[in-house]
N, C-alpha and C. Protein backbone atom coordinates (compact mmCIF):
# COMPACT_ATOMS: atom_id res chain seq x y z
N UNK A 1 107.52 119.51 81.21
CA UNK A 1 107.62 117.81 80.77
C UNK A 1 106.01 117.97 81.78
N UNK A 2 104.87 117.04 81.88
CA UNK A 2 103.50 117.26 82.39
C UNK A 2 104.15 116.34 83.41
N UNK A 3 104.00 116.45 84.40
CA UNK A 3 103.29 116.09 85.86
C UNK A 3 102.25 115.59 85.95
N UNK A 4 101.99 114.32 86.40
CA UNK A 4 100.83 113.59 86.66
C UNK A 4 100.64 113.27 88.20
N UNK A 5 99.78 113.98 88.97
CA UNK A 5 99.87 113.24 90.66
C UNK A 5 98.61 112.78 90.77
N UNK A 6 99.36 111.54 91.59
CA UNK A 6 97.79 110.66 92.10
C UNK A 6 97.80 110.78 93.62
N UNK A 7 96.79 110.65 94.37
CA UNK A 7 96.13 110.47 95.80
C UNK A 7 95.54 109.51 95.83
N UNK A 8 96.03 108.77 96.96
CA UNK A 8 94.94 107.55 97.62
C UNK A 8 94.00 108.40 98.72
N UNK A 9 94.35 109.56 98.58
CA UNK A 9 93.54 110.53 100.26
C UNK A 9 93.67 109.49 101.07
N UNK A 10 95.34 109.60 101.59
CA UNK A 10 95.46 108.35 102.62
C UNK A 10 95.37 110.12 103.63
N UNK A 11 95.38 109.35 105.23
CA UNK A 11 95.53 110.90 105.89
C UNK A 11 96.68 111.59 105.96
N UNK A 12 98.06 111.30 105.39
CA UNK A 12 99.29 112.36 105.37
C UNK A 12 98.86 113.45 104.46
N UNK A 13 98.80 112.63 102.79
CA UNK A 13 98.92 113.41 101.76
C UNK A 13 98.78 114.64 101.72
N UNK A 14 98.18 115.29 102.34
CA UNK A 14 97.48 117.02 101.87
C UNK A 14 98.57 117.49 103.55
N UNK A 15 98.42 116.81 104.35
CA UNK A 15 99.08 117.70 105.70
C UNK A 15 100.58 117.51 105.05
N UNK A 16 101.10 116.64 105.18
CA UNK A 16 102.59 116.78 104.38
C UNK A 16 102.89 117.54 102.80
N UNK A 17 102.26 117.24 102.25
CA UNK A 17 102.40 117.39 101.02
C UNK A 17 102.93 117.11 99.94
N UNK A 18 102.65 115.77 99.90
CA UNK A 18 102.83 114.38 99.30
C UNK A 18 102.08 113.93 98.35
N UNK A 19 102.18 113.00 97.02
CA UNK A 19 101.47 112.50 96.05
C UNK A 19 101.72 111.14 96.52
N UNK A 20 100.68 110.00 96.43
CA UNK A 20 100.72 108.76 96.45
C UNK A 20 102.10 108.25 95.41
N UNK A 21 101.84 108.73 94.83
CA UNK A 21 102.51 108.22 93.28
C UNK A 21 102.24 109.90 92.34
N UNK A 22 103.67 109.52 91.75
CA UNK A 22 103.92 110.60 90.39
C UNK A 22 104.52 110.62 88.88
N UNK A 23 103.80 110.33 88.16
CA UNK A 23 104.14 110.07 86.75
C UNK A 23 104.82 111.30 85.97
N UNK A 24 106.40 110.88 85.25
CA UNK A 24 106.82 112.15 84.94
C UNK A 24 107.27 111.01 83.00
N UNK A 25 106.52 111.76 82.46
CA UNK A 25 107.11 111.36 80.90
C UNK A 25 106.66 109.41 81.31
N UNK A 26 106.96 108.96 80.91
CA UNK A 26 107.31 106.77 80.88
C UNK A 26 107.36 106.76 82.63
N UNK A 27 108.04 107.80 83.51
CA UNK A 27 108.73 107.17 84.92
C UNK A 27 107.34 107.18 85.79
N UNK A 28 107.37 106.45 86.69
CA UNK A 28 106.17 106.60 88.12
C UNK A 28 107.12 106.22 89.10
N UNK A 29 106.79 107.27 89.92
CA UNK A 29 107.64 107.05 91.35
C UNK A 29 106.45 106.72 92.23
N UNK A 30 106.76 105.55 93.16
CA UNK A 30 105.55 105.67 94.12
C UNK A 30 105.94 105.92 95.33
N UNK A 31 105.54 106.55 96.63
CA UNK A 31 105.73 106.63 97.41
C UNK A 31 106.00 106.14 98.72
N UNK A 32 106.50 106.01 100.05
CA UNK A 32 106.93 104.95 100.67
C UNK A 32 105.07 104.55 100.89
N UNK A 33 105.12 103.62 101.55
CA UNK A 33 103.67 103.39 101.19
C UNK A 33 103.22 102.04 102.61
N UNK A 34 102.27 102.30 102.97
CA UNK A 34 102.57 101.40 104.45
C UNK A 34 101.04 100.69 104.16
N UNK A 35 100.57 99.97 104.73
CA UNK A 35 99.31 98.80 105.14
C UNK A 35 98.13 99.97 106.00
N UNK A 36 98.20 101.28 106.05
CA UNK A 36 97.20 102.15 106.18
C UNK A 36 96.52 102.35 105.22
N UNK A 37 94.82 102.12 105.24
CA UNK A 37 93.89 102.48 104.98
C UNK A 37 93.74 103.90 104.76
N UNK A 38 92.73 104.30 104.20
CA UNK A 38 91.99 105.45 103.81
C UNK A 38 91.79 106.15 105.26
N UNK A 39 91.42 105.12 106.34
CA UNK A 39 90.67 106.04 107.17
C UNK A 39 91.69 106.04 108.37
N UNK A 40 93.00 105.44 107.89
CA UNK A 40 94.03 105.69 108.95
C UNK A 40 94.00 104.23 109.87
N UNK A 41 93.54 103.54 109.66
CA UNK A 41 93.61 102.28 110.77
C UNK A 41 94.79 101.77 109.14
N UNK A 42 95.38 100.69 110.35
CA UNK A 42 96.78 99.32 110.24
C UNK A 42 95.71 98.48 109.53
N UNK A 43 96.33 97.91 108.59
CA UNK A 43 95.63 96.44 108.34
C UNK A 43 96.75 95.34 108.62
N UNK A 44 96.05 94.36 109.58
CA UNK A 44 97.32 93.33 110.26
C UNK A 44 98.08 93.54 110.80
N UNK A 45 98.18 94.26 112.13
CA UNK A 45 99.21 94.50 113.22
C UNK A 45 99.76 92.78 113.54
N UNK A 46 100.54 93.19 113.47
CA UNK A 46 101.63 92.11 113.73
C UNK A 46 101.95 91.28 112.81
N UNK A 47 101.36 91.59 111.85
CA UNK A 47 101.53 90.35 110.56
C UNK A 47 102.04 91.32 109.29
N UNK A 48 103.79 90.62 109.34
CA UNK A 48 104.09 91.53 108.26
C UNK A 48 103.65 91.40 107.07
N UNK A 49 103.62 90.12 106.88
CA UNK A 49 102.76 89.54 105.36
C UNK A 49 101.78 90.28 105.07
N UNK A 50 101.06 89.97 106.06
CA UNK A 50 99.62 90.76 105.68
C UNK A 50 100.15 92.22 105.07
N UNK A 51 101.09 92.77 106.14
CA UNK A 51 101.00 94.66 105.76
C UNK A 51 101.40 94.85 104.50
N UNK A 52 102.56 94.05 104.26
CA UNK A 52 103.73 93.56 102.91
C UNK A 52 102.62 93.44 102.17
N UNK A 53 101.24 92.79 101.85
CA UNK A 53 100.12 92.60 101.03
C UNK A 53 99.70 93.96 100.86
N UNK A 54 99.24 94.35 101.93
CA UNK A 54 98.16 95.32 101.84
C UNK A 54 98.84 96.51 101.47
N UNK A 55 100.40 96.81 101.30
CA UNK A 55 101.02 98.09 100.95
C UNK A 55 101.35 97.83 99.18
N UNK A 56 101.30 96.40 98.83
CA UNK A 56 101.50 96.34 97.55
C UNK A 56 100.43 96.45 96.81
N UNK A 57 99.37 95.91 97.34
CA UNK A 57 97.80 96.14 97.18
C UNK A 57 97.30 97.99 96.69
N UNK A 58 97.84 98.72 97.84
CA UNK A 58 98.01 100.28 97.73
C UNK A 58 98.78 100.78 95.96
N UNK A 59 99.53 100.37 96.38
CA UNK A 59 101.00 100.16 95.40
C UNK A 59 99.99 100.20 94.23
N UNK A 60 100.13 99.10 93.46
CA UNK A 60 99.33 98.48 92.45
C UNK A 60 98.41 99.58 92.01
N UNK A 61 97.14 99.80 92.80
CA UNK A 61 96.29 100.79 92.58
C UNK A 61 96.92 102.19 91.81
N UNK A 62 97.98 102.57 92.86
CA UNK A 62 98.33 103.93 92.32
C UNK A 62 99.38 103.93 90.71
N UNK A 63 99.97 102.41 90.99
CA UNK A 63 100.59 102.47 89.82
C UNK A 63 99.63 102.50 88.62
N UNK A 64 98.45 101.48 88.58
CA UNK A 64 97.37 101.38 87.77
C UNK A 64 96.73 103.17 87.37
N UNK A 65 96.53 103.77 88.52
CA UNK A 65 95.97 105.13 88.52
C UNK A 65 97.02 105.94 87.20
N UNK A 66 98.13 105.53 87.51
CA UNK A 66 99.25 106.59 86.67
C UNK A 66 99.55 105.79 85.11
N UNK A 67 98.75 104.80 84.82
CA UNK A 67 99.19 103.71 83.70
C UNK A 67 99.96 103.21 83.71
N UNK A 68 100.51 102.39 84.70
CA UNK A 68 101.88 101.66 85.00
C UNK A 68 101.02 100.41 85.30
N UNK A 69 101.59 99.60 85.96
CA UNK A 69 101.43 97.88 86.29
C UNK A 69 102.16 97.46 86.97
N UNK A 70 102.50 96.34 87.84
CA UNK A 70 103.26 95.67 88.58
C UNK A 70 104.15 95.22 87.65
N UNK A 71 104.22 94.99 86.59
CA UNK A 71 105.41 94.31 85.79
C UNK A 71 106.57 95.39 85.07
N UNK A 72 105.43 96.71 85.73
CA UNK A 72 106.64 97.75 84.70
C UNK A 72 107.70 98.33 85.76
N UNK A 73 107.41 97.75 87.36
CA UNK A 73 108.76 98.25 88.26
C UNK A 73 109.73 97.63 87.68
N UNK A 74 110.76 98.75 88.25
CA UNK A 74 111.90 98.78 88.17
C UNK A 74 112.91 98.72 89.29
N UNK A 75 112.55 98.73 90.02
CA UNK A 75 113.36 99.23 91.61
C UNK A 75 112.11 99.02 92.96
N UNK A 76 112.48 98.30 93.56
CA UNK A 76 111.50 98.44 94.69
C UNK A 76 112.52 98.33 95.95
N UNK A 77 111.93 99.58 97.09
CA UNK A 77 112.85 99.82 98.31
C UNK A 77 111.90 99.20 99.28
N UNK A 78 111.84 98.80 100.52
CA UNK A 78 111.52 98.62 101.37
C UNK A 78 111.96 98.81 102.97
N UNK A 79 111.90 99.25 103.72
CA UNK A 79 111.90 99.74 104.80
C UNK A 79 111.50 98.84 106.15
N UNK A 80 112.05 98.05 106.90
CA UNK A 80 110.85 96.73 107.74
C UNK A 80 111.78 97.19 109.18
N UNK A 81 110.74 97.03 110.42
CA UNK A 81 111.22 97.20 111.76
C UNK A 81 112.13 96.17 112.26
N UNK A 82 111.56 94.94 111.63
CA UNK A 82 113.07 93.76 112.13
C UNK A 82 113.53 92.79 110.94
N UNK A 83 114.32 92.68 110.58
CA UNK A 83 114.61 92.25 109.42
C UNK A 83 114.79 90.54 109.87
N UNK A 84 114.57 90.16 110.67
CA UNK A 84 114.79 88.71 111.00
C UNK A 84 113.55 88.27 110.39
N UNK A 85 112.24 88.96 109.91
CA UNK A 85 111.13 88.36 109.72
C UNK A 85 111.39 88.82 108.15
N UNK A 86 112.04 88.76 107.62
CA UNK A 86 112.54 88.89 106.41
C UNK A 86 112.11 88.00 105.33
N UNK A 87 112.07 86.74 106.02
CA UNK A 87 111.24 85.57 104.59
C UNK A 87 109.38 85.69 104.40
N UNK A 88 109.04 86.56 105.54
CA UNK A 88 107.55 87.02 105.72
C UNK A 88 106.96 87.89 104.43
N UNK A 89 108.16 89.15 104.23
CA UNK A 89 108.49 90.17 103.28
C UNK A 89 108.47 89.69 101.73
N UNK A 90 109.66 88.62 101.69
CA UNK A 90 110.51 88.18 100.65
C UNK A 90 109.21 87.47 99.91
N UNK A 91 108.67 86.29 100.62
CA UNK A 91 107.17 85.73 100.17
C UNK A 91 106.03 85.97 99.64
N UNK A 92 105.82 87.51 99.54
CA UNK A 92 105.43 88.30 98.97
C UNK A 92 106.04 88.93 97.62
N UNK A 93 106.98 89.32 98.00
CA UNK A 93 108.00 89.73 96.60
C UNK A 93 108.48 89.30 95.69
N UNK A 94 108.65 87.82 95.95
CA UNK A 94 108.34 86.68 95.28
C UNK A 94 107.19 86.36 94.52
N UNK A 95 106.13 86.22 95.22
CA UNK A 95 104.69 86.03 94.17
C UNK A 95 105.12 87.05 93.14
N UNK A 96 104.72 88.19 93.55
CA UNK A 96 104.61 89.61 92.39
C UNK A 96 105.50 89.66 91.94
N UNK A 97 106.67 89.48 92.10
CA UNK A 97 107.95 90.01 91.10
C UNK A 97 109.05 89.06 90.18
N UNK A 98 108.60 87.56 90.63
CA UNK A 98 109.26 86.84 90.57
C UNK A 98 110.20 86.41 89.03
N UNK A 99 108.94 86.65 88.12
CA UNK A 99 109.10 87.02 86.44
C UNK A 99 109.73 88.57 86.25
N UNK A 100 109.27 89.75 87.19
CA UNK A 100 109.23 90.94 86.63
C UNK A 100 111.42 91.20 87.19
N UNK A 101 111.47 90.42 88.21
CA UNK A 101 112.64 90.63 88.94
C UNK A 101 113.01 92.32 88.80
N UNK A 102 112.92 93.30 89.17
CA UNK A 102 113.08 94.59 89.58
C UNK A 102 114.39 94.74 90.29
N UNK A 103 115.28 95.67 90.43
CA UNK A 103 116.30 95.93 91.41
C UNK A 103 115.54 95.97 92.49
N UNK A 104 116.40 95.60 94.11
CA UNK A 104 115.38 95.21 94.95
C UNK A 104 116.48 96.18 96.45
N UNK A 105 115.57 96.49 97.37
CA UNK A 105 116.23 96.65 98.23
C UNK A 105 115.69 96.67 99.59
N UNK A 106 116.11 96.09 100.60
CA UNK A 106 115.19 95.90 102.19
C UNK A 106 115.98 96.23 102.92
N UNK A 107 116.32 97.03 104.36
CA UNK A 107 116.92 97.68 104.92
C UNK A 107 115.59 97.67 106.62
N UNK A 108 116.47 97.54 107.21
CA UNK A 108 115.75 97.55 109.34
C UNK A 108 115.70 99.02 109.13
N UNK A 109 114.73 99.33 109.73
CA UNK A 109 114.89 100.87 110.17
C UNK A 109 114.27 100.82 112.03
N UNK A 110 114.96 101.29 112.30
CA UNK A 110 114.16 101.25 114.00
C UNK A 110 112.74 101.57 114.38
N UNK A 111 112.51 102.14 113.70
CA UNK A 111 110.53 102.33 113.98
C UNK A 111 109.71 103.32 112.18
N UNK A 112 109.25 103.17 112.54
CA UNK A 112 108.33 103.63 111.29
C UNK A 112 107.32 105.08 111.97
N UNK A 113 106.80 105.26 111.19
CA UNK A 113 105.24 106.29 111.57
C UNK A 113 104.54 106.37 113.22
N UNK A 114 104.12 104.51 112.76
CA UNK A 114 103.20 104.27 113.90
C UNK A 114 103.63 103.05 114.73
N UNK A 115 103.74 102.63 116.15
CA UNK A 115 104.55 101.68 116.08
C UNK A 115 103.84 99.98 115.78
N UNK A 116 102.44 100.12 115.18
CA UNK A 116 101.73 99.22 114.44
C UNK A 116 102.54 98.59 113.16
N UNK A 117 103.22 99.65 112.44
CA UNK A 117 103.11 99.63 111.26
C UNK A 117 104.94 98.96 110.96
N UNK A 118 104.97 97.59 110.09
CA UNK A 118 105.93 96.59 110.05
C UNK A 118 107.14 96.88 108.91
N UNK A 119 106.50 97.55 107.74
CA UNK A 119 107.14 97.92 106.37
C UNK A 119 106.43 99.26 105.99
N UNK A 120 107.35 99.84 105.11
CA UNK A 120 107.06 101.09 104.35
C UNK A 120 107.76 100.46 102.78
N UNK A 121 107.09 100.60 102.15
CA UNK A 121 107.16 100.23 100.57
C UNK A 121 107.60 101.25 99.62
N UNK A 122 108.65 101.51 99.00
CA UNK A 122 108.66 102.30 97.49
C UNK A 122 108.83 101.96 96.08
N UNK A 123 107.73 102.38 95.02
CA UNK A 123 108.68 101.25 93.85
C UNK A 123 108.68 102.55 92.63
N UNK A 124 109.93 102.54 91.98
CA UNK A 124 109.62 102.90 90.77
C UNK A 124 109.39 102.40 89.68
N UNK A 125 108.54 102.51 88.55
CA UNK A 125 108.03 102.30 87.09
C UNK A 125 108.75 102.95 85.92
N UNK A 126 109.01 101.99 85.34
CA UNK A 126 108.71 102.75 83.98
C UNK A 126 108.31 102.21 82.86
N UNK A 127 107.13 102.59 82.35
CA UNK A 127 106.09 102.24 81.49
C UNK A 127 106.03 102.25 80.62
N UNK A 128 106.18 100.83 79.20
CA UNK A 128 106.23 100.56 78.04
C UNK A 128 105.24 101.44 76.92
N UNK A 129 105.54 101.88 75.63
CA UNK A 129 105.05 102.15 74.94
C UNK A 129 104.48 103.66 75.31
N UNK A 130 102.76 103.47 75.23
CA UNK A 130 101.83 104.92 75.18
C UNK A 130 100.84 104.70 76.17
N UNK A 131 100.89 103.77 77.20
CA UNK A 131 99.69 103.38 78.25
C UNK A 131 98.93 105.16 78.64
N UNK A 132 97.89 104.96 78.71
CA UNK A 132 97.59 106.04 79.10
C UNK A 132 97.22 105.78 80.81
N UNK A 133 97.07 107.55 81.02
CA UNK A 133 96.63 107.74 82.43
C UNK A 133 94.98 107.38 82.89
N UNK A 134 94.66 106.58 83.60
CA UNK A 134 93.27 106.56 84.03
C UNK A 134 93.16 107.53 84.81
N UNK A 135 91.99 108.46 85.28
CA UNK A 135 91.20 109.59 85.43
C UNK A 135 90.89 109.04 87.06
N UNK A 136 91.02 107.77 87.67
CA UNK A 136 90.86 107.71 89.01
C UNK A 136 92.19 107.98 89.50
N UNK A 137 92.05 107.56 90.77
CA UNK A 137 92.95 107.93 91.76
C UNK A 137 93.61 106.99 92.11
N UNK A 138 94.07 106.03 92.64
CA UNK A 138 94.22 105.13 94.20
C UNK A 138 93.45 104.87 94.74
N UNK A 139 93.14 106.18 95.25
CA UNK A 139 91.95 105.59 96.41
C UNK A 139 90.48 106.29 95.78
N UNK A 140 89.89 107.22 95.98
CA UNK A 140 88.58 107.90 95.98
C UNK A 140 88.49 109.67 95.31
N UNK A 141 90.00 109.58 95.71
CA UNK A 141 90.45 111.22 94.36
C UNK A 141 90.93 110.99 93.57
N UNK A 142 91.60 112.25 92.78
CA UNK A 142 91.38 111.93 91.47
C UNK A 142 93.01 112.85 90.87
N UNK A 143 93.33 112.25 89.85
CA UNK A 143 94.61 112.30 89.64
C UNK A 143 94.52 114.03 88.97
N UNK A 144 95.85 114.59 89.11
CA UNK A 144 95.88 115.54 88.14
C UNK A 144 97.11 115.84 87.89
N UNK A 145 97.06 116.35 86.60
CA UNK A 145 98.18 117.27 86.01
C UNK A 145 98.50 118.27 86.50
N UNK A 146 100.19 118.87 85.94
CA UNK A 146 100.34 120.37 86.17
C UNK A 146 101.72 120.26 85.11
N UNK A 147 102.20 121.37 85.20
CA UNK A 147 103.49 121.89 84.45
C UNK A 147 104.19 122.22 85.40
N UNK A 148 105.20 121.11 85.25
CA UNK A 148 106.90 121.72 86.12
C UNK A 148 107.69 122.55 84.86
N UNK A 149 108.18 123.55 85.61
CA UNK A 149 109.34 124.43 84.65
C UNK A 149 110.60 123.25 84.70
N UNK A 150 110.93 123.29 83.21
CA UNK A 150 112.52 122.81 83.28
C UNK A 150 113.40 123.76 83.97
N UNK A 151 114.54 123.02 84.29
CA UNK A 151 115.33 123.80 84.92
C UNK A 151 116.92 123.31 83.95
């Protein structure tokens, strides 16, 4: 089955060897996403709500590059460094998914890659119908396809 890789040209993708998103058939998987801009700076230092909005904006661009939408999301997973600030995260999640209602997990972690990062979010989506893949990526790079072997 064809695999479509989506890059946001973030600072870690090539170095670590991962894609912002991956589409296989009708399924789209978006990697853990923080409030990091393509230049590596963090949006919303100290502001969990702002970081959540930025992470979901990056996720939305990745989904669109893979031919999906936020309304196609079936699962969200979020990792926060302070669970007592749940309401800040929940406010944004609720605005985006109140009518979609994907399954959702929120977990507190001791820390993320950089101390100013407060949240990391990943999503899975299932595309309805035959929506096509955009040839632009979540950032400035390109979507690329490769064939994977069946096992």
